[in-house]
Amino acid sequence: MAAMKIAVVGSGTAGCACASLLAKTYKSQTAAGASVPKVLLIEQGEVLGGQATSSNLDAEKYSASFLNDGV
């Protein structure tokens, strides 16, 4: 049986959680002889994170320049 292919569109909180859960769930089932599906996470933007990265935060105020670098 050929490996299943799964595409998750959007790398916001839900998309990342979904892709991770799918990969982990199927990985645990491979011991029973199932083939491991290929999970592909698709994102149109340059960084992952969806709305968590949509607003720039004041790096000086929060003392963390990494806050605007994506997830």
N, C-alpha and C. Protein backbone atom coordinates (compact mmCIF):
# COMPACT_ATOMS: atom_id res chain seq x y z
N MET A 1 0.84 -1.19 0.00
CA MET A 1 0.00 0.00 0.00
C MET A 1 0.88 1.25 0.00
N ALA A 2 0.58 2.20 -0.87
CA ALA A 2 1.35 3.44 -0.97
C ALA A 2 1.09 4.32 0.24
N ALA A 3 2.11 5.09 0.60
CA ALA A 3 1.97 6.01 1.73
C ALA A 3 0.95 7.10 1.41
N MET A 4 0.14 7.43 2.38
CA MET A 4 -0.85 8.50 2.23
C MET A 4 -0.13 9.85 2.24
N LYS A 5 -0.64 10.80 1.48
CA LYS A 5 -0.10 12.16 1.46
C LYS A 5 -1.15 13.11 2.04
N ILE A 6 -0.74 13.89 3.02
CA ILE A 6 -1.65 14.82 3.69
C ILE A 6 -1.07 16.23 3.60
N ALA A 7 -1.87 17.18 3.15
CA ALA A 7 -1.45 18.58 3.09
C ALA A 7 -2.24 19.38 4.12
N VAL A 8 -1.54 20.16 4.92
CA VAL A 8 -2.17 21.07 5.88
C VAL A 8 -1.87 22.47 5.37
N VAL A 9 -2.92 23.24 5.08
CA VAL A 9 -2.75 24.58 4.52
C VAL A 9 -2.86 25.61 5.63
N GLY A 10 -1.80 26.36 5.82
CA GLY A 10 -1.77 27.41 6.84
C GLY A 10 -0.94 26.97 8.03
N SER A 11 0.03 27.80 8.41
CA SER A 11 0.92 27.44 9.51
C SER A 11 0.70 28.30 10.74
N GLY A 12 -0.56 28.65 10.96
CA GLY A 12 -0.90 29.33 12.20
C GLY A 12 -0.90 28.31 13.34
N THR A 13 -1.43 28.69 14.46
CA THR A 13 -1.46 27.80 15.61
C THR A 13 -2.16 26.49 15.29
N ALA A 14 -3.31 26.56 14.66
CA ALA A 14 -4.08 25.35 14.35
C ALA A 14 -3.39 24.49 13.30
N GLY A 15 -2.83 25.11 12.27
CA GLY A 15 -2.16 24.35 11.21
C GLY A 15 -0.94 23.61 11.72
N CYS A 16 -0.13 24.28 12.53
CA CYS A 16 1.06 23.65 13.10
C CYS A 16 0.67 22.51 14.04
N ALA A 17 -0.34 22.74 14.85
CA ALA A 17 -0.80 21.70 15.78
C ALA A 17 -1.35 20.50 15.01
N CYS A 18 -2.11 20.76 13.97
CA CYS A 18 -2.69 19.70 13.16
C CYS A 18 -1.61 18.86 12.49
N ALA A 19 -0.65 19.50 11.85
CA ALA A 19 0.43 18.78 11.17
C ALA A 19 1.23 17.94 12.16
N SER A 20 1.52 18.51 13.30
CA SER A 20 2.28 17.79 14.33
C SER A 20 1.50 16.57 14.84
N LEU A 21 0.23 16.78 15.14
CA LEU A 21 -0.60 15.68 15.65
C LEU A 21 -0.74 14.57 14.62
N LEU A 22 -0.95 14.93 13.36
CA LEU A 22 -1.07 13.91 12.31
C LEU A 22 0.22 13.09 12.20
N ALA A 23 1.35 13.78 12.19
CA ALA A 23 2.63 13.07 12.06
C ALA A 23 2.87 12.15 13.26
N LYS A 24 2.60 12.63 14.46
CA LYS A 24 2.82 11.81 15.66
C LYS A 24 1.86 10.64 15.74
N THR A 25 0.59 10.87 15.39
CA THR A 25 -0.42 9.82 15.46
C THR A 25 -0.08 8.67 14.53
N TYR A 26 0.23 9.00 13.29
CA TYR A 26 0.54 7.96 12.33
C TYR A 26 1.88 7.29 12.61
N LYS A 27 2.81 8.02 13.18
CA LYS A 27 4.11 7.44 13.51
C LYS A 27 3.94 6.34 14.54
N SER A 28 3.04 6.54 15.50
CA SER A 28 2.81 5.53 16.54
C SER A 28 2.10 4.31 15.99
N GLN A 29 1.41 4.44 14.87
CA GLN A 29 0.67 3.32 14.29
C GLN A 29 1.52 2.48 13.34
N THR A 30 2.74 2.93 13.04
CA THR A 30 3.57 2.19 12.09
C THR A 30 4.03 0.86 12.66
N ALA A 31 4.03 0.74 13.98
CA ALA A 31 4.41 -0.53 14.60
C ALA A 31 3.43 -1.64 14.20
N ALA A 32 2.21 -1.26 13.86
CA ALA A 32 1.20 -2.23 13.47
C ALA A 32 1.28 -2.56 11.98
N GLY A 33 2.30 -2.05 11.30
CA GLY A 33 2.49 -2.36 9.89
C GLY A 33 1.91 -1.35 8.92
N ALA A 34 1.37 -0.26 9.42
CA ALA A 34 0.81 0.77 8.54
C ALA A 34 1.95 1.59 7.93
N SER A 35 1.72 2.11 6.73
CA SER A 35 2.74 2.96 6.11
C SER A 35 2.64 4.37 6.69
N VAL A 36 3.77 5.05 6.78
CA VAL A 36 3.82 6.39 7.34
C VAL A 36 3.40 7.40 6.28
N PRO A 37 2.39 8.23 6.57
CA PRO A 37 1.99 9.24 5.57
C PRO A 37 2.99 10.39 5.53
N LYS A 38 3.01 11.07 4.42
CA LYS A 38 3.83 12.27 4.29
C LYS A 38 2.95 13.46 4.59
N VAL A 39 3.31 14.22 5.62
CA VAL A 39 2.54 15.40 6.02
C VAL A 39 3.28 16.63 5.53
N LEU A 40 2.61 17.43 4.72
CA LEU A 40 3.20 18.64 4.14
C LEU A 40 2.47 19.86 4.71
N LEU A 41 3.22 20.78 5.29
CA LEU A 41 2.67 22.02 5.83
C LEU A 41 2.91 23.13 4.81
N ILE A 42 1.84 23.75 4.33
CA ILE A 42 1.93 24.78 3.29
C ILE A 42 1.64 26.15 3.89
N GLU A 43 2.53 27.10 3.62
CA GLU A 43 2.36 28.47 4.13
C GLU A 43 2.74 29.45 3.03
N GLN A 44 1.91 30.47 2.82
CA GLN A 44 2.21 31.46 1.79
C GLN A 44 3.20 32.52 2.26
N GLY A 45 3.27 32.74 3.54
CA GLY A 45 4.16 33.78 4.07
C GLY A 45 5.59 33.31 4.23
N GLU A 46 6.44 34.22 4.66
CA GLU A 46 7.86 33.91 4.84
C GLU A 46 8.15 33.22 6.17
N VAL A 47 7.27 33.38 7.14
CA VAL A 47 7.48 32.78 8.46
C VAL A 47 6.24 32.01 8.89
N LEU A 48 6.44 31.09 9.81
CA LEU A 48 5.32 30.33 10.37
C LEU A 48 4.70 31.14 11.51
N GLY A 49 3.46 30.87 11.83
CA GLY A 49 2.87 31.49 13.00
C GLY A 49 1.54 32.18 12.78
N GLY A 50 1.17 32.43 11.54
CA GLY A 50 -0.13 33.05 11.27
C GLY A 50 -0.30 34.38 11.96
N GLN A 51 -1.43 34.57 12.63
CA GLN A 51 -1.74 35.85 13.26
C GLN A 51 -0.83 36.17 14.44
N ALA A 52 -0.14 35.17 14.95
CA ALA A 52 0.80 35.42 16.05
C ALA A 52 1.95 36.31 15.59
N THR A 53 2.17 36.38 14.29
CA THR A 53 3.26 37.20 13.76
C THR A 53 2.76 38.38 12.93
N SER A 54 1.47 38.67 13.02
CA SER A 54 0.90 39.71 12.17
C SER A 54 1.11 41.12 12.68
N SER A 55 1.46 41.29 13.94
CA SER A 55 1.66 42.62 14.50
C SER A 55 3.07 42.74 15.04
N ASN A 56 3.76 43.80 14.65
CA ASN A 56 5.09 44.04 15.20
C ASN A 56 4.95 44.55 16.63
N LEU A 57 5.80 44.04 17.49
CA LEU A 57 5.80 44.46 18.89
C LEU A 57 7.01 45.36 19.13
N ASP A 58 6.90 46.25 20.08
CA ASP A 58 7.98 47.17 20.41
C ASP A 58 9.10 46.39 21.10
N ALA A 59 10.19 46.14 20.37
CA ALA A 59 11.29 45.34 20.88
C ALA A 59 11.97 46.01 22.07
N GLU A 60 12.05 47.33 22.07
CA GLU A 60 12.68 48.02 23.19
C GLU A 60 11.83 47.93 24.45
N LYS A 61 10.52 48.08 24.28
CA LYS A 61 9.62 48.03 25.43
C LYS A 61 9.64 46.66 26.10
N TYR A 62 9.70 45.59 25.27
CA TYR A 62 9.64 44.23 25.81
C TYR A 62 11.02 43.58 25.92
N SER A 63 12.07 44.34 25.59
CA SER A 63 13.46 43.87 25.69
C SER A 63 13.68 42.54 24.98
N ALA A 64 13.06 42.38 23.82
CA ALA A 64 13.22 41.13 23.08
C ALA A 64 13.04 41.39 21.59
N SER A 65 14.15 41.58 20.90
CA SER A 65 14.08 41.86 19.47
C SER A 65 13.59 40.65 18.67
N PHE A 66 13.73 39.45 19.23
CA PHE A 66 13.30 38.23 18.52
C PHE A 66 11.79 38.13 18.36
N LEU A 67 11.02 38.94 19.07
CA LEU A 67 9.57 38.84 19.02
C LEU A 67 9.01 39.07 17.63
N ASN A 68 9.69 39.81 16.78
CA ASN A 68 9.20 40.10 15.45
C ASN A 68 9.84 39.22 14.37
N ASP A 69 10.51 38.16 14.77
CA ASP A 69 11.19 37.28 13.82
C ASP A 69 10.37 36.08 13.40
N GLY A 70 9.14 35.99 13.77
CA GLY A 70 8.31 34.82 13.43
C GLY A 70 8.40 33.76 14.51
N VAL A 71 7.66 32.72 14.28
CA VAL A 71 7.59 31.64 15.28
C VAL A 71 8.56 30.56 14.91
